[in-house]
């Protein structure tokens, strides 16, 4: 079903290039913003730029999941952090209700298989699992393009400064979800510009920067810090059920930010120079996230704590919660350039509204500025294999 959105009648003042060496006083002629076709907002589509990590020589795969010879795979050491994450993974299978048997692409997978895979990995804890291919099969995902290229992005748990009461500076509210709302929820524009949720007792706190709230909504949760230093975790409490649209993609396709430089910091720099455009750009994303207060560790949709660099969000239509994957993860430099690919086990412990298809994974990178630095510039490609026990009946895999 096509996504509809309102064409924006405004003009960008300056085309910016966010290279580290660019001069702040550089003058670039203004350009017009053209309406972007609706298919540009399709979710899970990565950016095209030189050095994005795509394997452009890979053959086309006939199926969503393709069983490969394990001799070509390199299983990494199962370290202490991964052991803890795997133990949480077992808890997830008990805590999170889901179908015992699921059809994912051309495979039929059951909960017992997921549990057995976790236990096989735990049997090799603190060592390199050199004989893992004797007990597990690896099925490569056909990725985003049916050539095995998987789009990796990153997310984190931000920390933003707030106050309990509104004042002249801290004036942007973070809302909890209306419990007795009748009819369709309002859009982002209707909430922020028209104030349709004002004075309903839904305000949890107030932030100084609207963009900080937006990024926290995109991440799904975050910590808030009060003036006395107290912190609270604001967890995901549902959305307004309007379609998610990427403002990053919008800015890239309007040539406001080069694709290779898109990041949270790049977007922040853009709006720092063009604060008058903030509202109109944010309003193209009608989706709006609500929060609830929980004073615990950040958890994903699997109801277990997330582990930095190992927990990922995926589309559960292809990768059920509790899945174990082997990945070739893109490793990038601090300025967002691809340095190499690294073999890593990753665990599906979360989902996300923007994570769609068999070729997109969002890697969790921790809390605060360190998490943001690792996560925000990752929009590169790698590969993924779903791990399942050998000798199990998967009638749909052939």
Protein backbone atom coordinates (compact mmCIF):
# COMPACT_ATOMS: atom_id res chain seq x y z
CA UNK A 1 0.00 0.00 0.00
CA UNK A 2 1.47 3.38 -1.01
CA UNK A 3 2.38 5.85 1.71
CA UNK A 4 0.85 9.28 1.34
CA UNK A 5 2.40 12.45 2.68
CA UNK A 6 2.05 16.16 2.22
CA UNK A 7 4.46 17.87 -0.12
CA UNK A 8 6.46 20.47 1.69
CA UNK A 9 6.34 24.01 0.28
CA UNK A 10 9.53 25.32 1.78
CA UNK A 11 13.01 26.02 0.47
CA UNK A 12 16.38 24.96 1.89
CA UNK A 13 18.68 27.92 2.27
CA UNK A 14 22.02 26.17 1.97
CA UNK A 15 23.32 22.83 0.64
CA UNK A 16 25.69 21.57 3.31
CA UNK A 17 28.50 19.12 3.08
CA UNK A 18 29.37 17.79 6.52
CA UNK A 19 33.01 16.83 6.06
CA UNK A 20 35.23 17.31 9.07
CA UNK A 21 37.34 19.83 7.24
CA UNK A 22 34.57 22.06 5.88
CA UNK A 23 34.57 25.74 6.76
CA UNK A 24 31.67 27.08 8.79
CA UNK A 25 31.60 30.33 6.80
CA UNK A 26 31.51 28.64 3.38
CA UNK A 27 28.70 30.07 1.23
CA UNK A 28 26.82 27.69 -1.05
CA UNK A 29 23.99 28.80 -3.33
CA UNK A 30 20.48 27.94 -2.10
CA UNK A 31 18.58 25.05 -3.69
CA UNK A 32 14.93 24.14 -3.92
CA UNK A 33 13.42 21.13 -2.21
CA UNK A 34 11.57 18.89 -4.62
CA UNK A 35 8.83 16.50 -3.47
CA UNK A 36 10.26 12.98 -3.04
CA UNK A 37 8.38 10.03 -4.58
CA UNK A 38 6.54 7.98 -2.00
CA UNK A 39 8.62 4.87 -2.71
CA UNK A 40 11.65 6.75 -1.39
CA UNK A 41 10.23 6.19 2.09
CA UNK A 42 10.19 2.38 1.82
CA UNK A 43 11.70 1.05 5.00
CA UNK A 44 14.85 -1.02 5.19
CA UNK A 45 16.46 0.52 2.10
CA UNK A 46 20.06 1.55 2.66
CA UNK A 47 22.02 4.33 1.00
CA UNK A 48 24.06 4.05 -2.19
CA UNK A 49 27.56 5.50 -1.92
CA UNK A 50 31.09 4.35 -2.61
CA UNK A 51 32.45 2.31 0.27
CA UNK A 52 29.09 1.28 1.75
CA UNK A 53 30.26 -2.33 2.16
CA UNK A 54 28.13 -4.00 -0.52
CA UNK A 55 29.45 -7.14 -2.20
CA UNK A 56 28.70 -6.22 -5.80
CA UNK A 57 30.02 -9.52 -7.18
CA UNK A 58 27.70 -11.76 -5.13
CA UNK A 59 25.37 -14.09 -7.06
CA UNK A 60 21.61 -13.78 -6.85
CA UNK A 61 19.97 -16.11 -4.31
CA UNK A 62 16.85 -18.10 -5.28
CA UNK A 63 15.33 -18.17 -1.76
CA UNK A 64 15.10 -16.02 1.36
CA UNK A 65 17.33 -18.48 3.27
CA UNK A 66 20.05 -20.45 1.49
CA UNK A 67 21.99 -23.30 3.07
CA UNK A 68 25.70 -22.88 2.42
CA UNK A 69 28.86 -24.85 2.96
CA UNK A 70 30.02 -24.01 6.48
CA UNK A 71 33.70 -24.30 5.50
CA UNK A 72 33.62 -20.68 4.32
CA UNK A 73 32.43 -19.35 7.68
CA UNK A 74 34.64 -18.19 10.55
CA UNK A 75 33.01 -18.59 13.95
CA UNK A 76 34.41 -16.03 16.46
CA UNK A 77 35.26 -16.61 20.13
CA UNK A 78 32.25 -16.72 22.45
CA UNK A 79 33.35 -14.21 25.09
CA UNK A 80 31.90 -13.36 28.49
CA UNK A 81 29.57 -10.64 27.22
CA UNK A 82 28.12 -13.01 24.63
CA UNK A 83 27.71 -15.76 27.25
CA UNK A 84 25.61 -13.39 29.38
CA UNK A 85 23.59 -12.35 26.32
CA UNK A 86 22.97 -16.01 25.40
CA UNK A 87 21.74 -16.72 28.93
CA UNK A 88 19.33 -13.80 28.55
CA UNK A 89 18.36 -15.28 25.19
CA UNK A 90 17.18 -18.47 26.92
CA UNK A 91 15.12 -16.32 29.29
CA UNK A 92 13.61 -14.53 26.31
CA UNK A 93 12.19 -17.77 24.93
CA UNK A 94 10.38 -18.32 28.22
CA UNK A 95 9.24 -14.72 28.74
CA UNK A 96 8.15 -13.72 25.25
CA UNK A 97 5.01 -15.37 23.92
CA UNK A 98 5.26 -16.34 20.27
CA UNK A 99 4.13 -19.17 18.00
CA UNK A 100 5.87 -22.48 18.69
CA UNK A 101 6.20 -23.14 14.95
CA UNK A 102 6.80 -20.26 12.54
CA UNK A 103 7.11 -20.06 8.77
CA UNK A 104 9.92 -17.64 7.91
CA UNK A 105 10.52 -17.31 4.21
CA UNK A 106 11.23 -20.81 2.90
CA UNK A 107 12.01 -22.23 6.37
CA UNK A 108 9.81 -23.64 9.09
CA UNK A 109 11.33 -22.96 12.51
CA UNK A 110 10.20 -24.00 15.99
CA UNK A 111 11.04 -22.73 19.46
CA UNK A 112 12.89 -25.94 20.35
CA UNK A 113 15.31 -25.31 17.49
CA UNK A 114 16.01 -21.80 18.71
CA UNK A 115 16.63 -23.09 22.24
CA UNK A 116 18.91 -25.87 21.03
CA UNK A 117 20.95 -23.41 18.96
CA UNK A 118 21.51 -21.20 22.02
CA UNK A 119 22.64 -24.21 24.07
CA UNK A 120 25.04 -25.33 21.36
CA UNK A 121 26.67 -21.90 21.43
CA UNK A 122 26.84 -21.88 25.23
CA UNK A 123 28.65 -25.22 25.11
CA UNK A 124 31.57 -23.38 23.49
CA UNK A 125 31.69 -20.48 25.94
CA UNK A 126 35.02 -18.67 26.30
CA UNK A 127 36.48 -20.59 23.33
CA UNK A 128 36.47 -20.46 19.54
CA UNK A 129 33.79 -22.93 18.36
CA UNK A 130 35.87 -24.64 15.68
CA UNK A 131 33.49 -27.59 15.27
CA UNK A 132 30.22 -25.70 15.46
CA UNK A 133 29.49 -26.67 11.85
CA UNK A 134 29.10 -30.27 13.02
CA UNK A 135 25.97 -29.41 15.03
CA UNK A 136 24.57 -26.29 13.37
CA UNK A 137 23.57 -25.42 9.81
CA UNK A 138 23.95 -21.88 8.48
CA UNK A 139 21.34 -20.34 6.17
CA UNK A 140 22.40 -17.12 4.47
CA UNK A 141 19.76 -14.43 4.14
CA UNK A 142 19.26 -13.08 0.63
CA UNK A 143 19.42 -9.66 2.24
CA UNK A 144 18.04 -6.44 0.90
CA UNK A 145 18.81 -7.06 -2.77
CA UNK A 146 18.61 -10.89 -3.06
CA UNK A 147 22.40 -10.91 -3.43
CA UNK A 148 23.03 -11.35 0.31
CA UNK A 149 23.75 -7.71 1.09
CA UNK A 150 22.32 -6.87 4.53
CA UNK A 151 21.86 -3.27 5.68
CA UNK A 152 23.21 -2.62 9.19
CA UNK A 153 22.23 0.42 11.22
CA UNK A 154 22.80 1.14 14.91
CA UNK A 155 20.72 2.30 17.85
CA UNK A 156 21.44 3.23 21.45
CA UNK A 157 19.87 4.44 24.69
CA UNK A 158 20.22 8.23 24.81
CA UNK A 159 20.39 10.40 27.93
CA UNK A 160 18.62 13.76 27.74
CA UNK A 161 18.27 16.49 30.35
CA UNK A 162 14.72 17.26 31.49
CA UNK A 163 12.67 18.99 34.16
CA UNK A 164 9.46 17.84 35.76
CA UNK A 165 7.78 21.20 35.26
CA UNK A 166 7.64 23.33 32.16
CA UNK A 167 9.56 26.61 32.07
CA UNK A 168 10.79 29.06 29.44
CA UNK A 169 13.63 26.76 28.35
CA UNK A 170 12.35 23.27 29.14
CA UNK A 171 9.10 23.51 27.22
CA UNK A 172 8.90 20.42 25.01
CA UNK A 173 6.90 17.57 26.60
CA UNK A 174 7.54 13.84 26.58
CA UNK A 175 4.16 12.13 26.66
CA UNK A 176 2.86 8.85 27.95
CA UNK A 177 0.27 7.11 25.79
CA UNK A 178 -3.37 8.19 26.14
CA UNK A 179 -5.18 5.15 27.54
CA UNK A 180 -8.77 6.11 26.69
CA UNK A 181 -8.32 7.83 23.35
CA UNK A 182 -11.22 7.33 20.94
CA UNK A 183 -10.63 7.16 17.20
CA UNK A 184 -7.38 7.62 15.31
CA UNK A 185 -4.39 8.97 17.22
CA UNK A 186 -3.19 12.42 16.11
CA UNK A 187 -0.14 12.83 13.87
CA UNK A 188 3.15 14.34 14.99
CA UNK A 189 2.13 17.70 13.55
CA UNK A 190 -1.22 17.61 15.35
CA UNK A 191 0.46 16.73 18.64
CA UNK A 192 3.32 19.24 18.47
CA UNK A 193 1.86 22.13 16.47
CA UNK A 194 -1.82 21.95 17.38
CA UNK A 195 -1.34 20.66 20.94
CA UNK A 196 -4.01 17.94 20.80
CA UNK A 197 -2.51 16.19 23.85
CA UNK A 198 -2.02 19.32 25.96
CA UNK A 199 -3.58 19.54 29.43
CA UNK A 200 -4.58 15.87 29.55
CA UNK A 201 -2.10 14.97 32.31
CA UNK A 202 0.06 12.95 29.89
CA UNK A 203 3.29 14.94 30.31
CA UNK A 204 6.07 12.90 31.96
CA UNK A 205 8.74 15.62 31.76
CA UNK A 206 9.92 18.53 29.62
CA UNK A 207 13.08 18.74 27.52
CA UNK A 208 14.98 21.74 26.23
CA UNK A 209 15.48 20.46 22.69
CA UNK A 210 12.73 19.04 20.47
CA UNK A 211 15.28 17.18 18.34
CA UNK A 212 16.57 15.31 21.41
CA UNK A 213 13.04 14.02 22.00
CA UNK A 214 12.73 13.00 18.36
CA UNK A 215 15.95 10.98 18.43
CA UNK A 216 14.90 9.34 21.69
CA UNK A 217 11.61 8.38 20.04
CA UNK A 218 13.46 6.85 17.10
CA UNK A 219 15.66 4.83 19.49
CA UNK A 220 12.52 3.61 21.30
CA UNK A 221 13.62 4.44 24.84
CA UNK A 222 16.09 6.55 26.77
CA UNK A 223 17.23 7.86 30.13
CA UNK A 224 16.17 11.29 31.32
CA UNK A 225 18.32 13.23 33.79
CA UNK A 226 16.82 15.78 36.19
CA UNK A 227 18.67 18.86 37.53
CA UNK A 228 19.49 17.03 40.79
CA UNK A 229 21.24 14.25 38.85
CA UNK A 230 18.50 11.67 39.25
CA UNK A 231 17.96 9.47 36.19
CA UNK A 232 14.89 7.56 35.05
CA UNK A 233 14.42 5.16 32.16
CA UNK A 234 11.62 6.15 29.81
CA UNK A 235 10.64 2.97 27.98
CA UNK A 236 8.59 2.52 24.82
CA UNK A 237 4.84 2.72 25.51
CA UNK A 238 3.47 2.36 22.00
CA UNK A 239 3.04 4.78 19.14
CA UNK A 240 0.30 6.76 17.43
CA UNK A 241 0.21 4.06 14.71
CA UNK A 242 0.95 6.43 11.87
CA UNK A 243 3.58 5.38 9.29
CA UNK A 244 7.26 5.91 10.09
CA UNK A 245 9.21 7.99 7.57
CA UNK A 246 12.93 8.63 7.76
CA UNK A 247 13.97 12.28 7.99
CA UNK A 248 17.54 11.15 7.29
CA UNK A 249 16.47 9.71 3.94
CA UNK A 250 14.49 12.88 3.22
CA UNK A 251 17.55 15.07 3.82
CA UNK A 252 19.80 12.81 1.73
CA UNK A 253 17.42 12.66 -1.21
CA UNK A 254 17.09 16.44 -1.16
CA UNK A 255 20.91 16.74 -1.26
CA UNK A 256 20.99 18.45 2.13
CA UNK A 257 23.42 15.87 3.56
CA UNK A 258 25.56 13.47 1.47
CA UNK A 259 24.55 9.83 1.99
CA UNK A 260 28.01 8.81 3.16
CA UNK A 261 27.88 11.48 5.90
CA UNK A 262 24.37 10.91 7.24
CA UNK A 263 24.38 10.52 11.03
CA UNK A 264 22.68 11.92 14.11
CA UNK A 265 25.45 14.48 14.48
CA UNK A 266 25.17 15.43 10.81
CA UNK A 267 21.42 16.00 11.19
CA UNK A 268 21.98 18.02 14.36
CA UNK A 269 24.55 20.22 12.62
CA UNK A 270 22.13 20.83 9.77
CA UNK A 271 19.31 21.96 12.06
CA UNK A 272 21.67 24.06 14.16
CA UNK A 273 22.27 26.14 11.02
CA UNK A 274 18.65 25.90 9.85
CA UNK A 275 16.45 25.87 12.97
CA UNK A 276 13.56 27.35 10.97
CA UNK A 277 13.30 24.09 8.99
CA UNK A 278 13.17 21.76 12.00
CA UNK A 279 9.41 21.51 12.42
CA UNK A 280 8.57 21.04 8.75
CA UNK A 281 11.15 18.28 8.31
CA UNK A 282 10.12 16.48 11.51
CA UNK A 283 6.47 16.61 10.47
CA UNK A 284 7.10 14.44 7.38
CA UNK A 285 7.38 11.61 9.92
CA UNK A 286 3.83 11.34 11.22
CA UNK A 287 4.80 8.53 13.63
CA UNK A 288 5.03 9.54 17.30
CA UNK A 289 6.40 7.46 20.20
CA UNK A 290 5.03 7.49 23.75
CA UNK A 291 6.95 6.57 26.91
CA UNK A 292 6.41 5.06 30.32
CA UNK A 293 8.70 5.26 33.37
CA UNK A 294 10.67 2.11 34.30
CA UNK A 295 13.68 2.20 36.59
CA UNK A 296 15.45 -0.84 35.15
CA UNK A 297 18.00 -1.65 32.45
CA UNK A 298 16.99 -0.94 28.87
CA UNK A 299 15.14 -3.90 27.41
CA UNK A 300 13.98 -4.78 23.96
CA UNK A 301 10.79 -6.39 22.72
CA UNK A 302 12.09 -9.71 24.04
CA UNK A 303 11.71 -8.43 27.64
CA UNK A 304 15.40 -9.04 28.49
CA UNK A 305 18.24 -6.52 28.95
CA UNK A 306 20.07 -5.59 25.77
CA UNK A 307 23.79 -6.35 25.37
CA UNK A 308 26.04 -3.88 23.58
CA UNK A 309 27.15 -5.03 20.10
CA UNK A 310 25.36 -8.39 20.37
CA UNK A 311 21.64 -7.53 20.67
CA UNK A 312 19.92 -6.61 17.41
CA UNK A 313 16.47 -5.57 16.26
CA UNK A 314 15.10 -7.46 13.26
CA UNK A 315 11.89 -8.12 11.37
CA UNK A 316 10.37 -11.07 13.22
CA UNK A 317 8.55 -12.21 10.09
CA UNK A 318 12.00 -13.47 9.00
CA UNK A 319 13.99 -13.67 12.23
CA UNK A 320 11.93 -14.70 15.30
CA UNK A 321 12.85 -13.26 18.69
CA UNK A 322 15.36 -15.71 20.13
CA UNK A 323 17.16 -16.35 16.83
CA UNK A 324 20.95 -16.70 16.79
CA UNK A 325 22.81 -15.35 13.78
CA UNK A 326 26.34 -15.26 12.45
CA UNK A 327 27.18 -11.97 10.75
CA UNK A 328 29.84 -10.17 8.81
CA UNK A 329 29.41 -6.82 10.57
CA UNK A 330 30.71 -3.61 8.98
CA UNK A 331 33.20 -1.86 11.26
CA UNK A 332 33.49 1.87 10.64
CA UNK A 333 35.97 4.57 11.60
CA UNK A 334 35.02 7.55 13.84
CA UNK A 335 34.33 9.61 10.71
CA UNK A 336 31.95 7.00 9.31
CA UNK A 337 34.15 5.22 6.76
CA UNK A 338 34.13 1.45 6.37
CA UNK A 339 37.31 -0.03 7.87
CA UNK A 340 36.63 -3.76 7.58
CA UNK A 341 34.07 -6.52 8.15
CA UNK A 342 34.16 -8.52 11.38
CA UNK A 343 32.72 -11.97 12.14
CA UNK A 344 30.28 -11.74 15.06
CA UNK A 345 27.42 -13.67 16.59
CA UNK A 346 24.32 -11.49 16.97
CA UNK A 347 21.08 -12.21 18.83
CA UNK A 348 17.58 -11.09 17.82
CA UNK A 349 16.20 -9.54 21.03
CA UNK A 350 14.29 -6.55 19.70
CA UNK A 351 12.08 -5.29 16.89
CA UNK A 352 11.54 -1.84 15.39
CA UNK A 353 9.01 0.00 13.31
CA UNK A 354 11.68 0.95 10.76
CA UNK A 355 13.24 -2.53 10.60
CA UNK A 356 11.56 -4.31 7.72
CA UNK A 357 12.48 -7.27 5.54
CA UNK A 358 15.16 -9.96 5.53
CA UNK A 359 17.92 -7.46 4.84
CA UNK A 360 17.96 -4.92 7.67
CA UNK A 361 19.33 -5.20 11.22
CA UNK A 362 19.65 -2.54 13.90
CA UNK A 363 22.60 -3.23 16.24
CA UNK A 364 22.35 -2.05 19.86
CA UNK A 365 25.44 -0.08 20.92
CA UNK A 366 24.81 0.93 24.53
CA UNK A 367 24.02 4.05 26.53
CA UNK A 368 24.77 7.75 26.20
CA UNK A 369 27.40 9.48 24.07
CA UNK A 370 29.56 6.39 23.63
CA UNK A 371 26.58 4.43 22.34
CA UNK A 372 25.62 7.29 20.06
CA UNK A 373 29.12 7.56 18.58
CA UNK A 374 29.14 3.85 17.71
CA UNK A 375 25.58 3.72 16.43
CA UNK A 376 24.76 6.96 14.66
CA UNK A 377 27.05 6.73 11.61
CA UNK A 378 26.45 3.03 10.85
CA UNK A 379 24.48 2.62 7.63
CA UNK A 380 26.65 0.08 5.83
CA UNK A 381 26.31 -3.44 4.46
CA UNK A 382 27.40 -6.90 5.55
CA UNK A 383 26.03 -10.46 5.50
CA UNK A 384 23.98 -12.66 7.83
CA UNK A 385 23.44 -16.39 8.38
CA UNK A 386 20.62 -17.86 10.47
CA UNK A 387 21.92 -20.70 12.67
CA UNK A 388 19.76 -23.79 13.26
CA UNK A 389 20.44 -27.34 14.53
CA UNK A 390 21.44 -29.98 12.01
CA UNK A 391 19.19 -32.92 11.22
CA UNK A 392 16.04 -31.01 12.03
CA UNK A 393 13.02 -31.27 9.75
CA UNK A 394 12.60 -28.07 7.77
CA UNK A 395 10.16 -29.20 5.08
CA UNK A 396 10.05 -25.82 3.34
CA UNK A 397 13.78 -25.28 2.95
CA UNK A 398 14.30 -27.12 -0.32
